[in-house]
């Protein structure tokens, strides 16, 4: 029922498309970009539900106030306390290792503004949990989300981050000027 509702909204009402060229792993980190608008969360959740998959996501803790916090947690949201030095990466690695199924969507830029210095946590979660990173490009110009690449982290961060950033270079966010892959 959920898949049918999400499909109707994503494909029929909004007119978006899906291009999935990657397997449906039991466990993975979903690296989704560009992230230039609050609408990315809703489009992404509708997409993932429409294709019959479910994922949690990280979001800054400031969004988890009542009543929105209840809604975001229900959707799979995990608050991130960016000001504190917590062991969130380690905690997520342990959760991933213990879970039978684990899909966590992370936007590597860590913000909706142009940021060439992408966050590294998603990479180290995947590396530590020994799970793949699946790259999903959000393209507002084409109204299509593409699952187009899998990166198996080996620990060669610089090489693999360059590969990840280059995958996203041709995707256009809702606000293209707010997306920056930096020097690669």
Protein backbone atom coordinates (compact mmCIF):
# COMPACT_ATOMS: atom_id res chain seq x y z
CA UNK A 1 0.00 0.00 0.00
CA UNK A 2 2.80 2.41 0.96
CA UNK A 3 4.65 1.70 -2.29
CA UNK A 4 1.50 2.34 -4.32
CA UNK A 5 0.87 5.68 -2.60
CA UNK A 6 4.49 6.80 -2.92
CA UNK A 7 4.56 5.68 -6.58
CA UNK A 8 1.38 7.59 -7.38
CA UNK A 9 2.72 10.79 -5.81
CA UNK A 10 6.29 10.50 -7.15
CA UNK A 11 5.57 9.29 -10.68
CA UNK A 12 2.03 10.48 -11.47
CA UNK A 13 1.44 13.64 -9.44
CA UNK A 14 4.96 15.06 -9.46
CA UNK A 15 6.06 13.59 -12.81
CA UNK A 16 9.46 12.38 -11.62
CA UNK A 17 11.34 9.38 -13.04
CA UNK A 18 13.62 6.73 -11.59
CA UNK A 19 16.73 5.22 -13.15
CA UNK A 20 18.13 2.49 -10.93
CA UNK A 21 21.29 0.79 -12.14
CA UNK A 22 22.43 -0.53 -8.75
CA UNK A 23 21.44 -3.60 -6.72
CA UNK A 24 19.19 -3.42 -3.67
CA UNK A 25 21.76 -4.27 -0.99
CA UNK A 26 20.71 -5.62 2.42
CA UNK A 27 22.93 -2.95 3.94
CA UNK A 28 24.32 0.23 2.42
CA UNK A 29 24.98 3.91 2.83
CA UNK A 30 22.98 5.94 0.34
CA UNK A 31 24.99 8.96 -0.72
CA UNK A 32 22.50 11.39 -2.28
CA UNK A 33 23.38 14.68 -3.96
CA UNK A 34 23.03 17.45 -4.86
CA UNK A 35 21.28 18.67 -1.71
CA UNK A 36 20.24 22.27 -2.35
CA UNK A 37 16.69 22.43 -1.00
CA UNK A 38 14.51 21.13 1.82
CA UNK A 39 12.40 19.50 -0.91
CA UNK A 40 15.23 17.00 -1.54
CA UNK A 41 14.22 15.03 1.56
CA UNK A 42 10.62 14.63 0.46
CA UNK A 43 11.46 13.90 -3.18
CA UNK A 44 14.06 11.37 -2.02
CA UNK A 45 11.74 9.65 0.47
CA UNK A 46 8.96 9.47 -2.15
CA UNK A 47 11.41 8.03 -4.70
CA UNK A 48 12.83 5.41 -2.37
CA UNK A 49 9.36 4.37 -1.22
CA UNK A 50 8.05 4.30 -4.80
CA UNK A 51 10.74 1.77 -5.76
CA UNK A 52 9.84 -0.35 -2.74
CA UNK A 53 12.74 0.50 -0.48
CA UNK A 54 13.03 2.21 2.89
CA UNK A 55 15.87 4.21 4.44
CA UNK A 56 16.65 6.31 7.44
CA UNK A 57 18.34 9.67 7.09
CA UNK A 58 20.46 12.09 9.09
CA UNK A 59 19.21 15.62 9.74
CA UNK A 60 20.43 18.45 11.95
CA UNK A 61 18.85 18.33 15.41
CA UNK A 62 17.32 21.80 15.06
CA UNK A 63 14.56 20.28 12.90
CA UNK A 64 13.50 17.85 15.64
CA UNK A 65 11.22 20.20 17.58
CA UNK A 66 7.61 19.34 18.40
CA UNK A 67 5.61 18.43 16.33
CA UNK A 68 8.04 18.17 13.38
CA UNK A 69 10.43 15.99 15.38
CA UNK A 70 7.79 13.28 15.76
CA UNK A 71 7.12 13.38 12.03
CA UNK A 72 10.80 13.22 11.05
CA UNK A 73 11.49 10.34 13.45
CA UNK A 74 8.48 8.48 12.01
CA UNK A 75 9.99 8.99 8.53
CA UNK A 76 13.31 7.49 9.71
CA UNK A 77 15.09 10.67 10.73
CA UNK A 78 18.07 10.59 13.06
CA UNK A 79 19.00 13.93 14.67
CA UNK A 80 22.61 15.05 14.30
CA UNK A 81 24.11 17.19 17.06
CA UNK A 82 26.68 19.05 15.00
CA UNK A 83 28.02 21.26 17.78
CA UNK A 84 28.97 18.38 20.07
CA UNK A 85 31.81 15.97 19.53
CA UNK A 86 29.93 12.71 19.71
CA UNK A 87 30.82 9.26 18.49
CA UNK A 88 27.89 9.23 16.06
CA UNK A 89 29.92 7.54 13.31
CA UNK A 90 30.92 4.75 15.70
CA UNK A 91 27.35 4.37 16.96
CA UNK A 92 25.98 4.12 13.42
CA UNK A 93 28.67 1.59 12.49
CA UNK A 94 27.61 -0.60 15.42
CA UNK A 95 23.93 -0.25 14.49
CA UNK A 96 24.71 -1.22 10.88
CA UNK A 97 26.74 -4.24 11.97
CA UNK A 98 23.97 -5.49 14.29
CA UNK A 99 21.11 -4.89 11.85
CA UNK A 100 19.85 -7.48 9.39
CA UNK A 101 18.86 -4.69 7.00
CA UNK A 102 20.36 -1.19 7.05
CA UNK A 103 19.86 1.66 4.59
CA UNK A 104 20.92 5.14 5.66
CA UNK A 105 20.69 8.14 3.33
CA UNK A 106 23.25 10.88 3.82
CA UNK A 107 23.83 14.07 1.85
CA UNK A 108 27.62 14.43 1.72
CA UNK A 109 27.63 18.21 1.51
CA UNK A 110 26.14 18.39 5.01
CA UNK A 111 24.25 21.57 4.12
CA UNK A 112 21.95 23.03 1.48
CA UNK A 113 24.54 25.71 0.64
CA UNK A 114 27.49 25.35 -1.69
CA UNK A 115 30.17 23.41 0.18
CA UNK A 116 33.20 22.00 -1.66
CA UNK A 117 34.42 20.38 1.58
CA UNK A 118 32.09 17.42 1.85
CA UNK A 119 31.57 15.60 5.12
CA UNK A 120 33.50 12.37 5.58
CA UNK A 121 31.26 10.51 8.03
CA UNK A 122 29.24 8.64 5.40
CA UNK A 123 32.47 7.20 3.98
CA UNK A 124 33.81 6.11 7.36
CA UNK A 125 30.47 4.59 8.37
CA UNK A 126 30.51 2.45 5.22
CA UNK A 127 34.17 1.56 5.69
CA UNK A 128 33.75 0.65 9.36
CA UNK A 129 30.57 -1.38 8.79
CA UNK A 130 32.04 -2.99 5.66
CA UNK A 131 29.04 -1.99 3.52
CA UNK A 132 28.81 -0.35 0.08
CA UNK A 133 28.13 3.29 -0.67
CA UNK A 134 25.40 3.61 -3.27
CA UNK A 135 25.36 6.89 -5.19
CA UNK A 136 22.00 8.47 -6.04
CA UNK A 137 21.94 11.64 -8.13
CA UNK A 138 18.98 14.00 -7.82
CA UNK A 139 18.36 15.92 -11.03
CA UNK A 140 15.64 18.57 -10.91
CA UNK A 141 16.19 19.59 -14.54
CA UNK A 142 15.40 16.04 -15.76
CA UNK A 143 13.05 15.31 -12.82
CA UNK A 144 14.86 12.03 -12.29
CA UNK A 145 16.71 10.31 -9.47
CA UNK A 146 19.44 7.96 -10.66
CA UNK A 147 20.99 5.19 -8.63
CA UNK A 148 24.04 4.89 -10.81
CA UNK A 149 27.14 3.77 -8.98
CA UNK A 150 28.37 1.61 -6.12
CA UNK A 151 31.60 2.37 -4.27
CA UNK A 152 33.07 -0.28 -2.00
CA UNK A 153 35.28 1.69 0.40
CA UNK A 154 38.82 0.35 0.74
CA UNK A 155 40.30 3.07 2.94
CA UNK A 156 41.80 5.04 0.04
CA UNK A 157 39.72 8.06 0.99
CA UNK A 158 41.16 10.62 -1.44
CA UNK A 159 40.80 8.37 -4.49
CA UNK A 160 37.31 7.18 -3.62
CA UNK A 161 36.02 10.63 -2.61
CA UNK A 162 37.19 11.96 -5.97
CA UNK A 163 35.29 9.11 -7.68
CA UNK A 164 32.18 9.91 -5.63
CA UNK A 165 32.30 13.65 -6.34
CA UNK A 166 32.84 13.10 -10.07
CA UNK A 167 29.72 10.93 -10.22
CA UNK A 168 27.60 13.91 -9.14
CA UNK A 169 29.19 16.57 -11.37
CA UNK A 170 26.41 16.54 -14.01
CA UNK A 171 23.39 16.45 -11.69
CA UNK A 172 21.42 19.64 -11.23
CA UNK A 173 19.91 20.41 -7.85
CA UNK A 174 16.82 22.56 -7.37
CA UNK A 175 19.20 25.50 -6.88
CA UNK A 176 22.29 24.63 -9.00
CA UNK A 177 24.33 27.55 -7.65
CA UNK A 178 24.21 25.92 -4.19
CA UNK A 179 26.06 22.77 -5.31
CA UNK A 180 29.85 22.49 -5.38
CA UNK A 181 31.96 19.35 -5.74
CA UNK A 182 35.14 21.34 -5.15
CA UNK A 183 38.46 20.63 -6.82
CA UNK A 184 38.73 17.04 -8.01
